[in-house]
Amino acid sequence: MVQAYILIQTEVGKAASVAEAIASITGVTMAEDVTGPYDVIARVEAPNVDDLGRLVIAKLQDVAGITRTLTCTVVHV
């Protein structure tokens, strides 16, 4: 299982609705609106890196109000 944090910038005033929409997507284990340079942080999981990429590109980035994402894959060292 591959896990990642997705840092999300949204249009002004859209953080809460984006977090709510993202939370309902299969593979998203947590989505919360936050303060700072990003508006929403989501934790996601997928069976492999390719599926993780598809989740981010085909599902998360399709949510209305998102302007930019940054994917931070979890590593265990």
PDB file of N, CA and C in Angstrom:
ATOM      1  N   MET A   1       0.846  -1.183   0.000  1.00  0.00           N
ATOM      2  CA  MET A   1       0.000   0.000   0.000  1.00  0.00           C
ATOM      3  C   MET A   1       0.884   1.236   0.000  1.00  0.00           C
ATOM      4  N   VAL A   2       0.606   2.168  -0.903  1.00  0.00           N
ATOM      5  CA  VAL A   2       1.316   3.441  -0.985  1.00  0.00           C
ATOM      6  C   VAL A   2       0.437   4.509  -0.355  1.00  0.00           C
ATOM      7  N   GLN A   3       1.044   5.324   0.502  1.00  0.00           N
ATOM      8  CA  GLN A   3       0.314   6.406   1.165  1.00  0.00           C
ATOM      9  C   GLN A   3       0.983   7.727   0.830  1.00  0.00           C
ATOM     10  N   ALA A   4       0.187   8.798   0.827  1.00  0.00           N
ATOM     11  CA  ALA A   4       0.733  10.122   0.533  1.00  0.00           C
ATOM     12  C   ALA A   4      -0.133  11.187   1.180  1.00  0.00           C
ATOM     13  N   TYR A   5       0.494  12.333   1.406  1.00  0.00           N
ATOM     14  CA  TYR A   5      -0.225  13.532   1.795  1.00  0.00           C
ATOM     15  C   TYR A   5      -0.322  14.402   0.552  1.00  0.00           C
ATOM     16  N   ILE A   6      -1.501  14.923   0.299  1.00  0.00           N
ATOM     17  CA  ILE A   6      -1.713  15.818  -0.833  1.00  0.00           C
ATOM     18  C   ILE A   6      -1.961  17.208  -0.255  1.00  0.00           C
ATOM     19  N   LEU A   7      -1.075  18.143  -0.580  1.00  0.00           N
ATOM     20  CA  LEU A   7      -1.220  19.525  -0.145  1.00  0.00           C
ATOM     21  C   LEU A   7      -1.956  20.261  -1.258  1.00  0.00           C
ATOM     22  N   ILE A   8      -3.023  20.947  -0.902  1.00  0.00           N
ATOM     23  CA  ILE A   8      -3.936  21.483  -1.903  1.00  0.00           C
ATOM     24  C   ILE A   8      -4.147  22.978  -1.705  1.00  0.00           C
ATOM     25  N   GLN A   9      -4.006  23.728  -2.787  1.00  0.00           N
ATOM     26  CA  GLN A   9      -4.383  25.140  -2.794  1.00  0.00           C
ATOM     27  C   GLN A   9      -5.722  25.242  -3.505  1.00  0.00           C
ATOM     28  N   THR A  10      -6.595  26.105  -2.965  1.00  0.00           N
ATOM     29  CA  THR A  10      -7.936  26.258  -3.525  1.00  0.00           C
ATOM     30  C   THR A  10      -8.197  27.711  -3.893  1.00  0.00           C
ATOM     31  N   GLU A  11      -9.282  27.910  -4.607  1.00  0.00           N
ATOM     32  CA  GLU A  11      -9.761  29.264  -4.848  1.00  0.00           C
ATOM     33  C   GLU A  11     -10.174  29.861  -3.508  1.00  0.00           C
ATOM     34  N   VAL A  12     -10.144  31.175  -3.407  1.00  0.00           N
ATOM     35  CA  VAL A  12     -10.504  31.867  -2.168  1.00  0.00           C
ATOM     36  C   VAL A  12     -11.908  31.458  -1.732  1.00  0.00           C
ATOM     37  N   GLY A  13     -12.023  31.079  -0.457  1.00  0.00           N
ATOM     38  CA  GLY A  13     -13.317  30.717   0.114  1.00  0.00           C
ATOM     39  C   GLY A  13     -13.808  29.321  -0.201  1.00  0.00           C
ATOM     40  N   LYS A  14     -12.980  28.497  -0.838  1.00  0.00           N
ATOM     41  CA  LYS A  14     -13.420  27.161  -1.257  1.00  0.00           C
ATOM     42  C   LYS A  14     -12.838  26.019  -0.413  1.00  0.00           C
ATOM     43  N   ALA A  15     -12.001  26.317   0.577  1.00  0.00           N
ATOM     44  CA  ALA A  15     -11.306  25.257   1.314  1.00  0.00           C
ATOM     45  C   ALA A  15     -12.268  24.257   1.949  1.00  0.00           C
ATOM     46  N   ALA A  16     -13.289  24.738   2.629  1.00  0.00           N
ATOM     47  CA  ALA A  16     -14.204  23.827   3.327  1.00  0.00           C
ATOM     48  C   ALA A  16     -14.950  22.924   2.353  1.00  0.00           C
ATOM     49  N   SER A  17     -15.443  23.482   1.252  1.00  0.00           N
ATOM     50  CA  SER A  17     -16.188  22.659   0.298  1.00  0.00           C
ATOM     51  C   SER A  17     -15.267  21.681  -0.427  1.00  0.00           C
ATOM     52  N   VAL A  18     -14.021  22.085  -0.697  1.00  0.00           N
ATOM     53  CA  VAL A  18     -13.058  21.175  -1.331  1.00  0.00           C
ATOM     54  C   VAL A  18     -12.729  20.028  -0.378  1.00  0.00           C
ATOM     55  N   ALA A  19     -12.461  20.327   0.887  1.00  0.00           N
ATOM     56  CA  ALA A  19     -12.151  19.280   1.862  1.00  0.00           C
ATOM     57  C   ALA A  19     -13.310  18.292   1.989  1.00  0.00           C
ATOM     58  N   GLU A  20     -14.524  18.802   2.007  1.00  0.00           N
ATOM     59  CA  GLU A  20     -15.699  17.929   2.110  1.00  0.00           C
ATOM     60  C   GLU A  20     -15.829  17.038   0.879  1.00  0.00           C
ATOM     61  N   ALA A  21     -15.630  17.601  -0.300  1.00  0.00           N
ATOM     62  CA  ALA A  21     -15.743  16.825  -1.537  1.00  0.00           C
ATOM     63  C   ALA A  21     -14.652  15.765  -1.614  1.00  0.00           C
ATOM     64  N   ILE A  22     -13.440  16.125  -1.244  1.00  0.00           N
ATOM     65  CA  ILE A  22     -12.316  15.192  -1.308  1.00  0.00           C
ATOM     66  C   ILE A  22     -12.497  14.044  -0.314  1.00  0.00           C
ATOM     67  N   ALA A  23     -13.027  14.348   0.860  1.00  0.00           N
ATOM     68  CA  ALA A  23     -13.197  13.329   1.894  1.00  0.00           C
ATOM     69  C   ALA A  23     -14.085  12.174   1.437  1.00  0.00           C
ATOM     70  N   SER A  24     -14.953  12.431   0.470  1.00  0.00           N
ATOM     71  CA  SER A  24     -15.872  11.381   0.014  1.00  0.00           C
ATOM     72  C   SER A  24     -15.292  10.511  -1.102  1.00  0.00           C
ATOM     73  N   ILE A  25     -14.074  10.812  -1.561  1.00  0.00           N
ATOM     74  CA  ILE A  25     -13.458  10.050  -2.645  1.00  0.00           C
ATOM     75  C   ILE A  25     -12.826   8.769  -2.091  1.00  0.00           C
ATOM     76  N   THR A  26     -13.059   7.648  -2.742  1.00  0.00           N
ATOM     77  CA  THR A  26     -12.455   6.380  -2.336  1.00  0.00           C
ATOM     78  C   THR A  26     -10.943   6.483  -2.424  1.00  0.00           C
ATOM     79  N   GLY A  27     -10.266   6.090  -1.363  1.00  0.00           N
ATOM     80  CA  GLY A  27      -8.814   6.179  -1.293  1.00  0.00           C
ATOM     81  C   GLY A  27      -8.336   7.324  -0.424  1.00  0.00           C
ATOM     82  N   VAL A  28      -9.218   8.270  -0.150  1.00  0.00           N
ATOM     83  CA  VAL A  28      -8.883   9.386   0.740  1.00  0.00           C
ATOM     84  C   VAL A  28      -9.242   8.964   2.157  1.00  0.00           C
ATOM     85  N   THR A  29      -8.246   8.953   3.044  1.00  0.00           N
ATOM     86  CA  THR A  29      -8.495   8.539   4.423  1.00  0.00           C
ATOM     87  C   THR A  29      -8.737   9.721   5.347  1.00  0.00           C
ATOM     88  N   MET A  30      -8.349  10.934   4.916  1.00  0.00           N
ATOM     89  CA  MET A  30      -8.535  12.125   5.725  1.00  0.00           C
ATOM     90  C   MET A  30      -8.398  13.341   4.828  1.00  0.00           C
ATOM     91  N   ALA A  31      -9.229  14.350   5.052  1.00  0.00           N
ATOM     92  CA  ALA A  31      -9.104  15.627   4.343  1.00  0.00           C
ATOM     93  C   ALA A  31      -9.556  16.727   5.294  1.00  0.00           C
ATOM     94  N   GLU A  32      -8.679  17.694   5.518  1.00  0.00           N
ATOM     95  CA  GLU A  32      -8.999  18.776   6.452  1.00  0.00           C
ATOM     96  C   GLU A  32      -8.538  20.108   5.877  1.00  0.00           C
ATOM     97  N   ASP A  33      -9.324  21.160   6.143  1.00  0.00           N
ATOM     98  CA  ASP A  33      -8.870  22.473   5.745  1.00  0.00           C
ATOM     99  C   ASP A  33      -7.931  22.997   6.837  1.00  0.00           C
ATOM    100  N   VAL A  34      -6.877  23.681   6.419  1.00  0.00           N
ATOM    101  CA  VAL A  34      -5.809  24.117   7.322  1.00  0.00           C
ATOM    102  C   VAL A  34      -5.423  25.562   6.999  1.00  0.00           C
ATOM    103  N   THR A  35      -4.581  26.138   7.866  1.00  0.00           N
ATOM    104  CA  THR A  35      -4.040  27.462   7.607  1.00  0.00           C
ATOM    105  C   THR A  35      -2.636  27.329   7.045  1.00  0.00           C
ATOM    106  N   GLY A  36      -2.135  28.403   6.459  1.00  0.00           N
ATOM    107  CA  GLY A  36      -0.789  28.389   5.905  1.00  0.00           C
ATOM    108  C   GLY A  36      -0.812  28.490   4.401  1.00  0.00           C
ATOM    109  N   PRO A  37       0.282  28.098   3.744  1.00  0.00           N
ATOM    110  CA  PRO A  37       0.365  28.255   2.293  1.00  0.00           C
ATOM    111  C   PRO A  37      -0.567  27.313   1.528  1.00  0.00           C
ATOM    112  N   TYR A  38      -1.035  26.257   2.175  1.00  0.00           N
ATOM    113  CA  TYR A  38      -1.999  25.349   1.549  1.00  0.00           C
ATOM    114  C   TYR A  38      -3.319  25.472   2.289  1.00  0.00           C
ATOM    115  N   ASP A  39      -4.395  25.166   1.613  1.00  0.00           N
ATOM    116  CA  ASP A  39      -5.731  25.339   2.176  1.00  0.00           C
ATOM    117  C   ASP A  39      -6.343  24.037   2.694  1.00  0.00           C
ATOM    118  N   VAL A  40      -5.929  22.919   2.088  1.00  0.00           N
ATOM    119  CA  VAL A  40      -6.452  21.605   2.465  1.00  0.00           C
ATOM    120  C   VAL A  40      -5.295  20.616   2.441  1.00  0.00           C
ATOM    121  N   ILE A  41      -5.292  19.697   3.399  1.00  0.00           N
ATOM    122  CA  ILE A  41      -4.350  18.580   3.383  1.00  0.00           C
ATOM    123  C   ILE A  41      -5.168  17.295   3.409  1.00  0.00           C
ATOM    124  N   ALA A  42      -4.839  16.393   2.484  1.00  0.00           N
ATOM    125  CA  ALA A  42      -5.528  15.102   2.422  1.00  0.00           C
ATOM    126  C   ALA A  42      -4.501  13.988   2.560  1.00  0.00           C
ATOM    127  N   ARG A  43      -4.883  12.942   3.244  1.00  0.00           N
ATOM    128  CA  ARG A  43      -4.061  11.721   3.287  1.00  0.00           C
ATOM    129  C   ARG A  43      -4.767  10.698   2.419  1.00  0.00           C
ATOM    130  N   VAL A  44      -4.009  10.089   1.523  1.00  0.00           N
ATOM    131  CA  VAL A  44      -4.593   9.124   0.588  1.00  0.00           C
ATOM    132  C   VAL A  44      -3.789   7.835   0.610  1.00  0.00           C
ATOM    133  N   GLU A  45      -4.420   6.768   0.135  1.00  0.00           N
ATOM    134  CA  GLU A  45      -3.717   5.499  -0.002  1.00  0.00           C
ATOM    135  C   GLU A  45      -4.211   4.790  -1.252  1.00  0.00           C
ATOM    136  N   ALA A  46      -3.285   4.043  -1.852  1.00  0.00           N
ATOM    137  CA  ALA A  46      -3.578   3.301  -3.080  1.00  0.00           C
ATOM    138  C   ALA A  46      -2.709   2.048  -3.098  1.00  0.00           C
ATOM    139  N   PRO A  47      -3.094   1.044  -3.872  1.00  0.00           N
ATOM    140  CA  PRO A  47      -2.328  -0.193  -3.914  1.00  0.00           C
ATOM    141  C   PRO A  47      -0.897  -0.026  -4.429  1.00  0.00           C
ATOM    142  N   ASN A  48      -0.691   0.931  -5.359  1.00  0.00           N
ATOM    143  CA  ASN A  48       0.642   1.134  -5.926  1.00  0.00           C
ATOM    144  C   ASN A  48       0.783   2.580  -6.405  1.00  0.00           C
ATOM    145  N   VAL A  49       1.973   2.952  -6.841  1.00  0.00           N
ATOM    146  CA  VAL A  49       2.251   4.328  -7.251  1.00  0.00           C
ATOM    147  C   VAL A  49       1.408   4.738  -8.458  1.00  0.00           C
ATOM    148  N   ASP A  50       1.215   3.832  -9.402  1.00  0.00           N
ATOM    149  CA  ASP A  50       0.400   4.162 -10.574  1.00  0.00           C
ATOM    150  C   ASP A  50      -1.041   4.487 -10.178  1.00  0.00           C
ATOM    151  N   ASP A  51      -1.606   3.697  -9.282  1.00  0.00           N
ATOM    152  CA  ASP A  51      -2.969   3.959  -8.821  1.00  0.00           C
ATOM    153  C   ASP A  51      -3.032   5.258  -8.020  1.00  0.00           C
ATOM    154  N   LEU A  52      -1.980   5.546  -7.280  1.00  0.00           N
ATOM    155  CA  LEU A  52      -1.914   6.809  -6.546  1.00  0.00           C
ATOM    156  C   LEU A  52      -1.946   7.981  -7.531  1.00  0.00           C
ATOM    157  N   GLY A  53      -1.173   7.889  -8.584  1.00  0.00           N
ATOM    158  CA  GLY A  53      -1.165   8.934  -9.600  1.00  0.00           C
ATOM    159  C   GLY A  53      -2.526   9.123 -10.244  1.00  0.00           C
ATOM    160  N   ARG A  54      -3.188   8.009 -10.546  1.00  0.00           N
ATOM    161  CA  ARG A  54      -4.528   8.099 -11.138  1.00  0.00           C
ATOM    162  C   ARG A  54      -5.519   8.736 -10.167  1.00  0.00           C
ATOM    163  N   LEU A  55      -5.395   8.395  -8.880  1.00  0.00           N
ATOM    164  CA  LEU A  55      -6.277   8.974  -7.867  1.00  0.00           C
ATOM    165  C   LEU A  55      -6.114  10.490  -7.826  1.00  0.00           C
ATOM    166  N   VAL A  56      -4.878  10.952  -7.824  1.00  0.00           N
ATOM    167  CA  VAL A  56      -4.620  12.387  -7.740  1.00  0.00           C
ATOM    168  C   VAL A  56      -5.060  13.095  -9.015  1.00  0.00           C
ATOM    169  N   ILE A  57      -4.658  12.580 -10.159  1.00  0.00           N
ATOM    170  CA  ILE A  57      -4.916  13.271 -11.426  1.00  0.00           C
ATOM    171  C   ILE A  57      -6.377  13.151 -11.868  1.00  0.00           C
ATOM    172  N   ALA A  58      -6.945  11.963 -11.776  1.00  0.00           N
ATOM    173  CA  ALA A  58      -8.290  11.752 -12.315  1.00  0.00           C
ATOM    174  C   ALA A  58      -9.405  12.102 -11.340  1.00  0.00           C
ATOM    175  N   LYS A  59      -9.132  12.026 -10.050  1.00  0.00           N
ATOM    176  CA  LYS A  59     -10.219  12.250  -9.092  1.00  0.00           C
ATOM    177  C   LYS A  59     -10.026  13.527  -8.279  1.00  0.00           C
ATOM    178  N   LEU A  60      -8.902  13.663  -7.588  1.00  0.00           N
ATOM    179  CA  LEU A  60      -8.711  14.832  -6.738  1.00  0.00           C
ATOM    180  C   LEU A  60      -8.638  16.118  -7.547  1.00  0.00           C
ATOM    181  N   GLN A  61      -7.829  16.148  -8.585  1.00  0.00           N
ATOM    182  CA  GLN A  61      -7.665  17.378  -9.345  1.00  0.00           C
ATOM    183  C   GLN A  61      -8.915  17.752 -10.137  1.00  0.00           C
ATOM    184  N   ASP A  62      -9.881  16.854 -10.185  1.00  0.00           N
ATOM    185  CA  ASP A  62     -11.138  17.123 -10.876  1.00  0.00           C
ATOM    186  C   ASP A  62     -12.145  17.841  -9.977  1.00  0.00           C
ATOM    187  N   VAL A  63     -11.839  17.961  -8.690  1.00  0.00           N
ATOM    188  CA  VAL A  63     -12.751  18.613  -7.747  1.00  0.00           C
ATOM    189  C   VAL A  63     -12.759  20.125  -8.021  1.00  0.00           C
ATOM    190  N   ALA A  64     -13.935  20.689  -8.141  1.00  0.00           N
ATOM    191  CA  ALA A  64     -14.072  22.122  -8.412  1.00  0.00           C
ATOM    192  C   ALA A  64     -13.486  22.941  -7.265  1.00  0.00           C
ATOM    193  N   GLY A  65     -12.728  23.979  -7.613  1.00  0.00           N
ATOM    194  CA  GLY A  65     -12.164  24.878  -6.615  1.00  0.00           C
ATOM    195  C   GLY A  65     -10.700  24.657  -6.341  1.00  0.00           C
ATOM    196  N   ILE A  66     -10.132  23.535  -6.825  1.00  0.00           N
ATOM    197  CA  ILE A  66      -8.704  23.266  -6.611  1.00  0.00           C
ATOM    198  C   ILE A  66      -7.899  24.000  -7.677  1.00  0.00           C
ATOM    199  N   THR A  67      -6.846  24.697  -7.231  1.00  0.00           N
ATOM    200  CA  THR A  67      -5.981  25.387  -8.181  1.00  0.00           C
ATOM    201  C   THR A  67      -4.625  24.705  -8.334  1.00  0.00           C
ATOM    202  N   ARG A  68      -4.157  23.991  -7.293  1.00  0.00           N
ATOM    203  CA  ARG A  68      -2.841  23.347  -7.365  1.00  0.00           C
ATOM    204  C   ARG A  68      -2.748  22.263  -6.296  1.00  0.00           C
ATOM    205  N   THR A  69      -2.014  21.187  -6.621  1.00  0.00           N
ATOM    206  CA  THR A  69      -1.757  20.129  -5.641  1.00  0.00           C
ATOM    207  C   THR A  69      -0.267  19.826  -5.598  1.00  0.00           C
ATOM    208  N   LEU A  70       0.166  19.331  -4.452  1.00  0.00           N
ATOM    209  CA  LEU A  70       1.532  18.849  -4.277  1.00  0.00           C
ATOM    210  C   LEU A  70       1.436  17.516  -3.554  1.00  0.00           C
ATOM    211  N   THR A  71       1.957  16.458  -4.164  1.00  0.00           N
ATOM    212  CA  THR A  71       1.888  15.110  -3.594  1.00  0.00           C
ATOM    213  C   THR A  71       3.166  14.789  -2.856  1.00  0.00           C
ATOM    214  N   CYS A  72       3.039  14.392  -1.593  1.00  0.00           N
ATOM    215  CA  CYS A  72       4.180  14.023  -0.750  1.00  0.00           C
ATOM    216  C   CYS A  72       3.991  12.568  -0.341  1.00  0.00           C
ATOM    217  N   THR A  73       4.717  11.680  -0.994  1.00  0.00           N
ATOM    218  CA  THR A  73       4.584  10.246  -0.732  1.00  0.00           C
ATOM    219  C   THR A  73       5.223   9.900   0.602  1.00  0.00           C
ATOM    220  N   VAL A  74       4.559   9.070   1.376  1.00  0.00           N
ATOM    221  CA  VAL A  74       5.081   8.616   2.673  1.00  0.00           C
ATOM    222  C   VAL A  74       6.159   7.569   2.432  1.00  0.00           C
ATOM    223  N   VAL A  75       7.295   7.723   3.096  1.00  0.00           N
ATOM    224  CA  VAL A  75       8.376   6.742   3.022  1.00  0.00           C
ATOM    225  C   VAL A  75       8.678   6.240   4.430  1.00  0.00           C
ATOM    226  N   HIS A  76       9.103   5.018   4.516  1.00  0.00           N
ATOM    227  CA  HIS A  76       9.476   4.413   5.802  1.00  0.00           C
ATOM    228  C   HIS A  76      10.943   4.050   5.745  1.00  0.00           C
ATOM    229  N   VAL A  77      11.778   4.828   6.436  1.00  0.00           N
ATOM    230  CA  VAL A  77      13.223   4.595   6.415  1.00  0.00           C
ATOM    231  C   VAL A  77      13.730   4.195   7.779  1.00  0.00           C
TER     232      VAL A  77
END
